[in-house]
Amino acid sequence: MKNFLANIGFGNVVSAGRVVAVVNPGSSPIKKLREEARERGKLIDATEGKKIRSIIITDSDHIILSAIQVETIVQRISGQKPSVDGL
C-alpha cells in the first residue's frame, strides 16, 4: 500500500497506507459504525462543520469524517489527479 499523506479537506491529511475503506455516510450500518466509534473515542471529525460526504475507516479502527466526496478521496489516495471540488 502507498505510504504518503492524502488530503481529506480543510488542510487535514490521512496516511494513505492506513486506510481500509472510504464509504458513503448514508446507510444504517455505517451510521451505527460511526456512533460506536464515537462511544469508543475513535471518531475524528475533519469536516469543519460541513456536511459529511464520506467516512474513512482505518486499520486502527479510527473512523474519520470528511466533507470531501468518496470519489475524490479515492483518487487522492490512489495517486490519480483529483477533480476540482472546491476544498
C-alpha atoms as a PDB file:
ATOM      1  CA  MET A   1       0.000   0.000   0.000  1.00  0.00           C
ATOM      2  CA  LYS A   2       1.082   3.560  -0.569  1.00  0.00           C
ATOM      3  CA  ASN A   3       2.900   5.336   2.243  1.00  0.00           C
ATOM      4  CA  PHE A   4       2.063   9.040   1.875  1.00  0.00           C
ATOM      5  CA  LEU A   5      -0.356  11.594   3.310  1.00  0.00           C
ATOM      6  CA  ALA A   6      -3.564  12.236   1.378  1.00  0.00           C
ATOM      7  CA  ASN A   7      -5.533  15.474   1.760  1.00  0.00           C
ATOM      8  CA  ILE A   8      -9.068  14.872   3.091  1.00  0.00           C
ATOM      9  CA  GLY A   9     -10.111  18.527   3.108  1.00  0.00           C
ATOM     10  CA  PHE A  10      -9.504  21.744   5.039  1.00  0.00           C
ATOM     11  CA  GLY A  11      -5.788  21.041   5.446  1.00  0.00           C
ATOM     12  CA  ASN A  12      -6.400  17.662   7.090  1.00  0.00           C
ATOM     13  CA  VAL A  13      -4.494  14.612   5.900  1.00  0.00           C
ATOM     14  CA  VAL A  14      -4.595  10.870   6.458  1.00  0.00           C
ATOM     15  CA  SER A  15      -1.890   8.269   5.942  1.00  0.00           C
ATOM     16  CA  ALA A  16      -2.916   6.518   2.717  1.00  0.00           C
ATOM     17  CA  GLY A  17      -1.358   3.250   3.871  1.00  0.00           C
ATOM     18  CA  ARG A  18      -3.643   3.108   6.938  1.00  0.00           C
ATOM     19  CA  VAL A  19      -6.927   3.482   5.018  1.00  0.00           C
ATOM     20  CA  VAL A  20      -9.017   0.311   4.828  1.00  0.00           C
ATOM     21  CA  ALA A  21     -12.157   1.789   3.235  1.00  0.00           C
ATOM     22  CA  VAL A  22     -13.790   5.028   2.132  1.00  0.00           C
ATOM     23  CA  VAL A  23     -17.593   4.814   2.269  1.00  0.00           C
ATOM     24  CA  ASN A  24     -20.730   6.901   1.821  1.00  0.00           C
ATOM     25  CA  PRO A  25     -22.219   8.015   5.155  1.00  0.00           C
ATOM     26  CA  GLY A  26     -25.890   7.338   4.399  1.00  0.00           C
ATOM     27  CA  SER A  27     -26.541   3.683   5.216  1.00  0.00           C
ATOM     28  CA  SER A  28     -27.766   2.420   8.593  1.00  0.00           C
ATOM     29  CA  PRO A  29     -24.764   0.122   9.216  1.00  0.00           C
ATOM     30  CA  ILE A  30     -22.355   2.997   8.582  1.00  0.00           C
ATOM     31  CA  LYS A  31     -24.311   5.288  10.915  1.00  0.00           C
ATOM     32  CA  LYS A  32     -24.134   2.583  13.590  1.00  0.00           C
ATOM     33  CA  LEU A  33     -20.374   2.197  12.984  1.00  0.00           C
ATOM     34  CA  ARG A  34     -19.987   5.963  13.392  1.00  0.00           C
ATOM     35  CA  GLU A  35     -21.894   6.015  16.694  1.00  0.00           C
ATOM     36  CA  GLU A  36     -19.906   3.060  18.054  1.00  0.00           C
ATOM     37  CA  ALA A  37     -16.663   4.852  17.145  1.00  0.00           C
ATOM     38  CA  ARG A  38     -17.894   7.973  18.969  1.00  0.00           C
ATOM     39  CA  GLU A  39     -18.613   5.924  22.092  1.00  0.00           C
ATOM     40  CA  ARG A  40     -15.142   4.303  21.977  1.00  0.00           C
ATOM     41  CA  GLY A  41     -13.383   7.642  21.412  1.00  0.00           C
ATOM     42  CA  LYS A  42     -12.213   6.604  17.929  1.00  0.00           C
ATOM     43  CA  LEU A  43     -14.182   9.171  15.892  1.00  0.00           C
ATOM     44  CA  ILE A  44     -12.298  12.005  14.188  1.00  0.00           C
ATOM     45  CA  ASP A  45     -14.365  14.825  12.669  1.00  0.00           C
ATOM     46  CA  ALA A  46     -12.453  16.571   9.872  1.00  0.00           C
ATOM     47  CA  THR A  47     -15.494  18.288   8.333  1.00  0.00           C
ATOM     48  CA  GLU A  48     -15.033  21.784   9.841  1.00  0.00           C
ATOM     49  CA  GLY A  49     -18.796  21.811  10.451  1.00  0.00           C
ATOM     50  CA  LYS A  50     -19.697  20.998   6.841  1.00  0.00           C
ATOM     51  CA  LYS A  51     -21.915  18.146   5.637  1.00  0.00           C
ATOM     52  CA  ILE A  52     -20.373  14.657   5.968  1.00  0.00           C
ATOM     53  CA  ARG A  53     -19.795  13.337   2.451  1.00  0.00           C
ATOM     54  CA  SER A  54     -17.508  10.400   3.195  1.00  0.00           C
ATOM     55  CA  ILE A  55     -16.318   8.245   6.042  1.00  0.00           C
ATOM     56  CA  ILE A  56     -12.776   6.895   6.123  1.00  0.00           C
ATOM     57  CA  ILE A  57     -12.124   3.675   8.016  1.00  0.00           C
ATOM     58  CA  THR A  58      -8.543   2.996   9.105  1.00  0.00           C
ATOM     59  CA  ASP A  59      -6.715  -0.160  10.148  1.00  0.00           C
ATOM     60  CA  SER A  60      -6.531   1.187  13.725  1.00  0.00           C
ATOM     61  CA  ASP A  61     -10.373   1.233  13.943  1.00  0.00           C
ATOM     62  CA  HIS A  62     -10.483   5.023  13.743  1.00  0.00           C
ATOM     63  CA  ILE A  63     -13.416   6.482  11.832  1.00  0.00           C
ATOM     64  CA  ILE A  64     -12.699   9.794  10.101  1.00  0.00           C
ATOM     65  CA  LEU A  65     -15.494  12.049   8.856  1.00  0.00           C
ATOM     66  CA  SER A  66     -14.760  14.157   5.781  1.00  0.00           C
ATOM     67  CA  ALA A  67     -16.632  16.803   3.793  1.00  0.00           C
ATOM     68  CA  ILE A  68     -14.985  15.561   0.576  1.00  0.00           C
ATOM     69  CA  GLN A  69     -16.759  13.183  -1.824  1.00  0.00           C
ATOM     70  CA  VAL A  70     -15.782   9.489  -1.688  1.00  0.00           C
ATOM     71  CA  GLU A  71     -14.599   9.508  -5.312  1.00  0.00           C
ATOM     72  CA  THR A  72     -12.264  12.463  -4.714  1.00  0.00           C
ATOM     73  CA  ILE A  73     -10.664  10.877  -1.657  1.00  0.00           C
ATOM     74  CA  VAL A  74     -10.173   7.588  -3.500  1.00  0.00           C
ATOM     75  CA  GLN A  75      -8.467   9.445  -6.349  1.00  0.00           C
ATOM     76  CA  ARG A  76      -6.187  11.249  -3.911  1.00  0.00           C
ATOM     77  CA  ILE A  77      -5.272   8.031  -2.089  1.00  0.00           C
ATOM     78  CA  SER A  78      -4.645   6.137  -5.323  1.00  0.00           C
ATOM     79  CA  GLY A  79      -2.443   8.957  -6.644  1.00  0.00           C
ATOM     80  CA  GLN A  80      -4.723   9.933  -9.523  1.00  0.00           C
ATOM     81  CA  LYS A  81      -5.376  13.562 -10.301  1.00  0.00           C
ATOM     82  CA  PRO A  82      -8.470  14.567  -8.257  1.00  0.00           C
ATOM     83  CA  SER A  83     -11.340  16.512  -9.737  1.00  0.00           C
ATOM     84  CA  VAL A  84     -11.854  20.078  -8.505  1.00  0.00           C
ATOM     85  CA  ASP A  85     -14.254  20.093  -5.538  1.00  0.00           C
ATOM     86  CA  GLY A  86     -13.581  23.494  -4.036  1.00  0.00           C
ATOM     87  CA  LEU A  87     -11.984  22.305  -0.797  1.00  0.00           C
END
